[in-house]
């Protein structure tokens, strides 16, 4: 029997989806992709495959999980299986450079950014953009490595800390730093637009007054000393009732063109009302308290979307089989 297969490397992030599947009595399996064997001479099982591989997998000791997932997805797509967030979505998940170039193709504004290899080249990039700037990893997740730098002396101090750190995650996983113009917002918050089935679901406002590590998951392994916003005061995340935005059609077109069935786009709005999109998350999580207050469920919407795809896949498979017979 066909079923849904969830590809991931973090069991804690799957628990809300497990509960939704159970409430729907939907058949599913989990493929925990960290290490294993991939027999390219065999065919994949029938079903719908939902990719939730994360760019931050290396922070949980699963260094090559995205590469393993990429190989599995190539195998699935070669055999014509239905994959939600397939090859292209995974490429964007692990590279903000790729995200910004893809967003630009749909005239979606992104903050002015310079990609840098080698920390010695960061000061020149910062001078070119002008302070304040944001430092971030090209491949990170959870806001890992994000720093707001206000001046050249502050940058020198930050680089001394980074270069002298014994933390293996102080450097970007792929060696690429991003130096980005800081987008000042009237209030210390950003907005995260959520999409399921490629369509806008809801937007949530996130308080950034205590930093930029913004993963809203129930359980999130944050760096030492950091506080996961998911367990912060309830006002940290707020679903925006009746949210509309002129960029929604472009966001949806961008997601469709890049085969992102489930994802989120984060943006900051400056004092002039200009929205600057700085992150595309194809492994989206949801804040349970904010959703409960608003009466919405992102994981519920995902489960329903996958259920619909599974029904269509089963119908197509049965029809093809009858025709062949």
Protein backbone atom coordinates (compact mmCIF):
# COMPACT_ATOMS: atom_id res chain seq x y z
CA UNK A 1 0.00 0.00 0.00
CA UNK A 2 1.24 3.47 -0.85
CA UNK A 3 2.08 5.75 2.05
CA UNK A 4 3.77 9.01 2.95
CA UNK A 5 7.51 8.89 3.61
CA UNK A 6 9.02 11.71 5.67
CA UNK A 7 12.70 12.38 4.98
CA UNK A 8 14.47 14.07 7.91
CA UNK A 9 17.33 14.01 10.43
CA UNK A 10 15.68 15.48 13.54
CA UNK A 11 12.98 13.35 15.20
CA UNK A 12 11.92 16.13 17.58
CA UNK A 13 10.75 18.29 14.67
CA UNK A 14 8.56 15.47 13.33
CA UNK A 15 6.48 14.91 16.47
CA UNK A 16 3.76 17.50 15.63
CA UNK A 17 3.38 15.94 12.17
CA UNK A 18 3.18 12.46 13.70
CA UNK A 19 0.22 13.62 15.80
CA UNK A 20 -1.54 15.00 12.72
CA UNK A 21 -0.98 11.76 10.79
CA UNK A 22 -2.33 9.75 13.73
CA UNK A 23 -5.48 11.87 13.91
CA UNK A 24 -6.09 11.19 10.21
CA UNK A 25 -5.14 7.48 10.41
CA UNK A 26 -2.76 8.14 7.53
CA UNK A 27 -0.12 5.51 6.70
CA UNK A 28 3.39 6.89 6.87
CA UNK A 29 7.03 5.97 7.47
CA UNK A 30 10.05 8.02 8.45
CA UNK A 31 13.35 7.91 6.62
CA UNK A 32 15.98 9.18 9.05
CA UNK A 33 18.83 10.02 6.69
CA UNK A 34 22.14 10.34 8.47
CA UNK A 35 24.02 7.20 7.48
CA UNK A 36 22.96 4.16 5.51
CA UNK A 37 22.88 2.36 2.18
CA UNK A 38 21.22 3.49 -1.04
CA UNK A 39 20.84 0.70 -3.58
CA UNK A 40 20.67 2.46 -6.93
CA UNK A 41 19.80 -0.82 -8.65
CA UNK A 42 16.47 -1.05 -6.82
CA UNK A 43 13.25 0.94 -7.26
CA UNK A 44 11.79 3.11 -4.48
CA UNK A 45 8.50 2.12 -2.84
CA UNK A 46 5.29 3.71 -4.05
CA UNK A 47 4.09 6.75 -2.17
CA UNK A 48 4.57 10.46 -1.52
CA UNK A 49 7.93 11.61 -0.19
CA UNK A 50 8.11 14.74 1.96
CA UNK A 51 11.62 16.15 2.34
CA UNK A 52 12.31 17.92 5.66
CA UNK A 53 16.09 17.83 5.52
CA UNK A 54 17.61 20.79 7.34
CA UNK A 55 20.57 23.07 6.62
CA UNK A 56 21.42 22.92 10.34
CA UNK A 57 21.87 19.12 10.39
CA UNK A 58 25.60 19.47 11.06
CA UNK A 59 24.84 21.10 14.42
CA UNK A 60 23.24 17.81 15.51
CA UNK A 61 26.16 15.66 14.38
CA UNK A 62 24.56 14.74 11.04
CA UNK A 63 27.19 16.41 8.90
CA UNK A 64 26.43 14.80 5.58
CA UNK A 65 22.68 14.30 5.96
CA UNK A 66 21.79 16.88 3.26
CA UNK A 67 24.17 15.22 0.81
CA UNK A 68 22.67 11.83 1.60
CA UNK A 69 19.16 13.26 1.16
CA UNK A 70 20.19 14.80 -2.16
CA UNK A 71 21.29 11.37 -3.42
CA UNK A 72 18.03 9.78 -2.25
CA UNK A 73 15.97 12.51 -3.92
CA UNK A 74 17.83 12.03 -7.21
CA UNK A 75 16.90 8.34 -7.00
CA UNK A 76 13.25 9.11 -6.18
CA UNK A 77 12.84 11.67 -8.94
CA UNK A 78 14.53 9.44 -11.52
CA UNK A 79 11.84 6.82 -10.79
CA UNK A 80 9.03 9.38 -11.09
CA UNK A 81 7.99 9.41 -7.44
CA UNK A 82 6.06 12.37 -6.03
CA UNK A 83 8.51 14.38 -3.92
CA UNK A 84 7.42 17.42 -1.92
CA UNK A 85 10.41 19.78 -1.67
CA UNK A 86 12.65 17.86 -4.02
CA UNK A 87 16.02 18.49 -5.63
CA UNK A 88 15.72 22.24 -6.17
CA UNK A 89 14.15 22.91 -2.76
CA UNK A 90 17.07 21.15 -1.04
CA UNK A 91 19.56 23.18 -3.08
CA UNK A 92 17.95 26.38 -1.81
CA UNK A 93 17.72 25.10 1.77
CA UNK A 94 21.51 24.82 2.05
CA UNK A 95 22.52 28.02 0.24
CA UNK A 96 21.33 31.57 0.86
CA UNK A 97 23.33 32.68 -2.18
CA UNK A 98 21.16 30.37 -4.28
CA UNK A 99 18.05 31.69 -2.53
CA UNK A 100 18.86 35.33 -3.26
CA UNK A 101 19.62 34.67 -6.91
CA UNK A 102 16.37 32.73 -7.33
CA UNK A 103 14.36 35.42 -5.53
CA UNK A 104 15.89 38.10 -7.76
CA UNK A 105 14.57 36.22 -10.77
CA UNK A 106 11.05 37.07 -9.56
CA UNK A 107 11.84 40.69 -8.71
CA UNK A 108 11.60 39.93 -4.99
CA UNK A 109 13.82 42.39 -3.07
CA UNK A 110 16.64 40.97 -0.94
CA UNK A 111 19.06 42.97 1.25
CA UNK A 112 22.29 44.01 -0.51
CA UNK A 113 24.67 41.14 0.18
CA UNK A 114 28.28 40.18 -0.52
CA UNK A 115 29.41 36.55 -0.36
CA UNK A 116 32.86 36.10 1.16
CA UNK A 117 35.27 33.17 1.47
CA UNK A 118 37.93 33.80 4.11
CA UNK A 119 37.25 35.98 7.16
CA UNK A 120 40.10 38.30 6.12
CA UNK A 121 37.92 39.54 3.26
CA UNK A 122 34.93 40.41 5.47
CA UNK A 123 36.08 43.97 6.42
CA UNK A 124 36.33 45.04 2.78
CA UNK A 125 32.82 43.73 2.11
CA UNK A 126 31.47 45.55 5.16
CA UNK A 127 33.11 48.82 4.10
CA UNK A 128 31.60 48.51 0.64
CA UNK A 129 28.07 48.01 2.03
CA UNK A 130 28.41 50.48 4.89
CA UNK A 131 27.66 49.88 8.56
CA UNK A 132 25.65 48.49 10.24
CA UNK A 133 25.88 45.05 8.64
CA UNK A 134 24.75 41.53 9.42
CA UNK A 135 27.19 38.64 9.34
CA UNK A 136 25.71 35.21 8.67
CA UNK A 137 26.58 31.77 7.35
CA UNK A 138 25.54 30.85 3.82
CA UNK A 139 24.51 27.43 5.10
CA UNK A 140 23.31 27.63 8.67
CA UNK A 141 19.76 27.15 9.93
CA UNK A 142 18.23 28.37 13.21
CA UNK A 143 19.88 31.76 12.71
CA UNK A 144 23.24 30.18 13.50
CA UNK A 145 26.17 32.60 13.29
CA UNK A 146 24.05 35.72 12.73
CA UNK A 147 25.67 38.85 14.19
CA UNK A 148 24.67 42.51 13.99
CA UNK A 149 27.84 44.61 13.58
CA UNK A 150 27.56 48.36 14.08
CA UNK A 151 31.07 49.60 13.23
CA UNK A 152 34.55 48.68 12.00
CA UNK A 153 35.92 48.31 15.56
CA UNK A 154 32.97 46.08 16.45
CA UNK A 155 33.67 43.98 13.36
CA UNK A 156 37.33 43.59 14.34
CA UNK A 157 36.21 42.36 17.76
CA UNK A 158 33.67 39.95 16.26
CA UNK A 159 36.24 38.51 13.85
CA UNK A 160 38.74 38.03 16.67
CA UNK A 161 36.10 36.04 18.56
CA UNK A 162 35.19 33.99 15.49
CA UNK A 163 38.78 33.22 14.50
CA UNK A 164 39.73 32.37 18.06
CA UNK A 165 36.73 30.20 18.79
CA UNK A 166 37.01 26.49 19.46
CA UNK A 167 33.36 26.02 18.52
CA UNK A 168 33.24 23.92 15.36
CA UNK A 169 30.06 25.76 14.32
CA UNK A 170 31.57 29.24 14.51
CA UNK A 171 32.55 28.93 10.84
CA UNK A 172 30.03 28.32 8.02
CA UNK A 173 29.61 24.71 7.01
CA UNK A 174 30.44 25.48 3.36
CA UNK A 175 33.07 28.15 4.08
CA UNK A 176 30.93 30.99 2.68
CA UNK A 177 30.18 34.04 4.82
CA UNK A 178 27.51 36.55 3.90
CA UNK A 179 27.95 40.23 4.69
CA UNK A 180 24.57 41.87 4.42
CA UNK A 181 23.25 45.38 4.82
CA UNK A 182 21.23 45.58 8.02
CA UNK A 183 17.58 46.41 7.42
CA UNK A 184 16.41 48.68 10.24
CA UNK A 185 12.76 48.12 11.13
CA UNK A 186 10.50 50.55 13.02
CA UNK A 187 9.84 47.81 15.59
CA UNK A 188 12.24 44.97 16.58
CA UNK A 189 10.47 42.25 14.61
CA UNK A 190 10.43 40.37 11.35
CA UNK A 191 7.61 38.60 9.50
CA UNK A 192 7.54 34.98 8.40
CA UNK A 193 5.07 34.03 5.65
CA UNK A 194 4.09 30.34 5.67
CA UNK A 195 3.06 28.38 2.58
CA UNK A 196 1.58 24.89 2.20
CA UNK A 197 0.87 23.34 -1.18
CA UNK A 198 2.61 26.38 -2.63
CA UNK A 199 -0.17 28.65 -1.37
CA UNK A 200 -0.06 31.27 1.37
CA UNK A 201 -1.30 29.91 4.70
CA UNK A 202 -0.62 32.62 7.27
CA UNK A 203 2.01 35.10 8.46
CA UNK A 204 3.59 35.27 11.89
CA UNK A 205 5.37 38.24 13.44
CA UNK A 206 8.52 37.35 15.37
CA UNK A 207 10.10 39.52 18.07
CA UNK A 208 13.83 39.96 17.35
CA UNK A 209 14.66 42.15 20.33
CA UNK A 210 16.67 39.33 21.93
CA UNK A 211 18.45 38.13 18.80
CA UNK A 212 18.06 36.45 15.45
CA UNK A 213 17.89 32.75 16.34
CA UNK A 214 14.30 32.42 15.22
CA UNK A 215 13.49 28.73 14.84
CA UNK A 216 9.92 28.32 16.16
CA UNK A 217 10.04 24.54 16.67
CA UNK A 218 8.73 22.88 19.84
CA UNK A 219 12.23 21.55 20.51
CA UNK A 220 15.27 23.29 19.07
CA UNK A 221 18.89 22.66 20.07
CA UNK A 222 20.18 26.21 20.32
CA UNK A 223 23.81 27.25 20.84
CA UNK A 224 25.02 27.37 24.44
CA UNK A 225 23.60 30.36 26.28
CA UNK A 226 20.87 31.05 23.73
CA UNK A 227 17.15 30.80 24.41
CA UNK A 228 14.84 29.02 22.00
CA UNK A 229 12.04 31.44 21.05
CA UNK A 230 9.60 28.52 21.04
CA UNK A 231 9.64 28.55 24.83
CA UNK A 232 9.93 32.33 25.17
CA UNK A 233 6.99 34.49 26.35
CA UNK A 234 3.86 34.01 24.27
CA UNK A 235 4.17 37.42 22.64
CA UNK A 236 7.42 36.38 20.94
CA UNK A 237 5.40 34.88 18.06
CA UNK A 238 2.09 36.31 16.88
CA UNK A 239 0.03 35.07 13.96
CA UNK A 240 -1.18 38.13 12.04
CA UNK A 241 -4.92 38.02 11.49
CA UNK A 242 -6.08 39.00 8.01
CA UNK A 243 -2.53 39.44 6.72
CA UNK A 244 -2.18 40.52 3.09
CA UNK A 245 0.86 41.65 1.13
CA UNK A 246 1.46 42.70 -2.49
CA UNK A 247 4.39 40.26 -2.74
CA UNK A 248 2.27 37.15 -2.09
CA UNK A 249 1.66 36.41 -5.81
CA UNK A 250 5.40 36.72 -6.52
CA UNK A 251 6.28 34.55 -3.52
CA UNK A 252 3.88 31.86 -4.70
CA UNK A 253 5.24 32.02 -8.26
CA UNK A 254 8.80 31.75 -6.89
CA UNK A 255 7.87 28.70 -4.80
CA UNK A 256 6.16 26.99 -7.74
CA UNK A 257 9.09 27.61 -10.07
CA UNK A 258 11.50 26.14 -7.53
CA UNK A 259 9.35 23.10 -6.62
CA UNK A 260 8.85 24.19 -3.00
CA UNK A 261 5.55 22.70 -1.86
CA UNK A 262 5.98 23.58 1.82
CA UNK A 263 8.08 26.46 3.08
CA UNK A 264 8.39 29.88 4.63
CA UNK A 265 9.79 33.22 3.52
CA UNK A 266 11.15 35.61 6.15
CA UNK A 267 11.31 39.33 5.52
CA UNK A 268 12.02 42.60 7.29
CA UNK A 269 10.04 45.77 6.52
CA UNK A 270 11.90 49.09 6.74
CA UNK A 271 10.56 52.50 7.75
CA UNK A 272 9.52 53.19 4.14
CA UNK A 273 7.35 50.06 3.99
CA UNK A 274 9.79 48.17 1.75
CA UNK A 275 9.88 44.43 2.44
CA UNK A 276 13.31 42.78 2.17
CA UNK A 277 13.27 38.98 1.96
CA UNK A 278 16.34 37.45 3.55
CA UNK A 279 15.56 33.74 4.09
CA UNK A 280 13.70 30.91 2.40
CA UNK A 281 13.07 27.97 4.74
CA UNK A 282 12.04 24.71 3.10
CA UNK A 283 12.09 22.85 6.43
CA UNK A 284 9.55 25.06 8.12
CA UNK A 285 8.42 24.66 11.74
CA UNK A 286 5.58 26.33 13.60
CA UNK A 287 5.14 27.88 17.04
CA UNK A 288 2.42 25.88 18.85
CA UNK A 289 1.37 28.65 21.25
CA UNK A 290 0.93 31.23 18.51
CA UNK A 291 -1.04 28.77 16.38
CA UNK A 292 -3.28 27.80 19.31
CA UNK A 293 -4.11 31.44 19.99
CA UNK A 294 -4.96 32.01 16.31
CA UNK A 295 -6.77 28.70 15.76
CA UNK A 296 -4.53 27.58 12.88
CA UNK A 297 -2.25 24.60 12.33
CA UNK A 298 0.62 24.50 9.88
CA UNK A 299 1.31 20.82 10.47
CA UNK A 300 -2.39 20.08 10.06
CA UNK A 301 -2.34 21.83 6.70
CA UNK A 302 0.76 19.86 5.67
CA UNK A 303 -0.86 16.56 6.67
CA UNK A 304 -3.96 17.38 4.63
CA UNK A 305 -1.83 18.40 1.66
CA UNK A 306 0.17 15.17 1.78
CA UNK A 307 -3.02 13.16 2.19
CA UNK A 308 -4.44 14.72 -0.97
CA UNK A 309 -1.25 13.98 -2.91
CA UNK A 310 -1.30 10.40 -1.64
CA UNK A 311 -4.88 9.88 -2.82
CA UNK A 312 -4.02 11.21 -6.26
CA UNK A 313 -0.89 9.05 -6.41
CA UNK A 314 -2.84 5.92 -5.46
CA UNK A 315 -5.49 6.70 -8.07
CA UNK A 316 -2.88 7.26 -10.79
CA UNK A 317 -1.00 4.09 -9.86
CA UNK A 318 -4.16 1.98 -9.86
CA UNK A 319 -5.28 3.45 -13.21
CA UNK A 320 -1.88 2.84 -14.80
CA UNK A 321 -1.84 -0.73 -13.51
CA UNK A 322 -5.31 -1.46 -14.88
CA UNK A 323 -4.35 0.02 -18.24
CA UNK A 324 -1.15 -2.03 -18.39
CA UNK A 325 -3.02 -5.22 -17.46
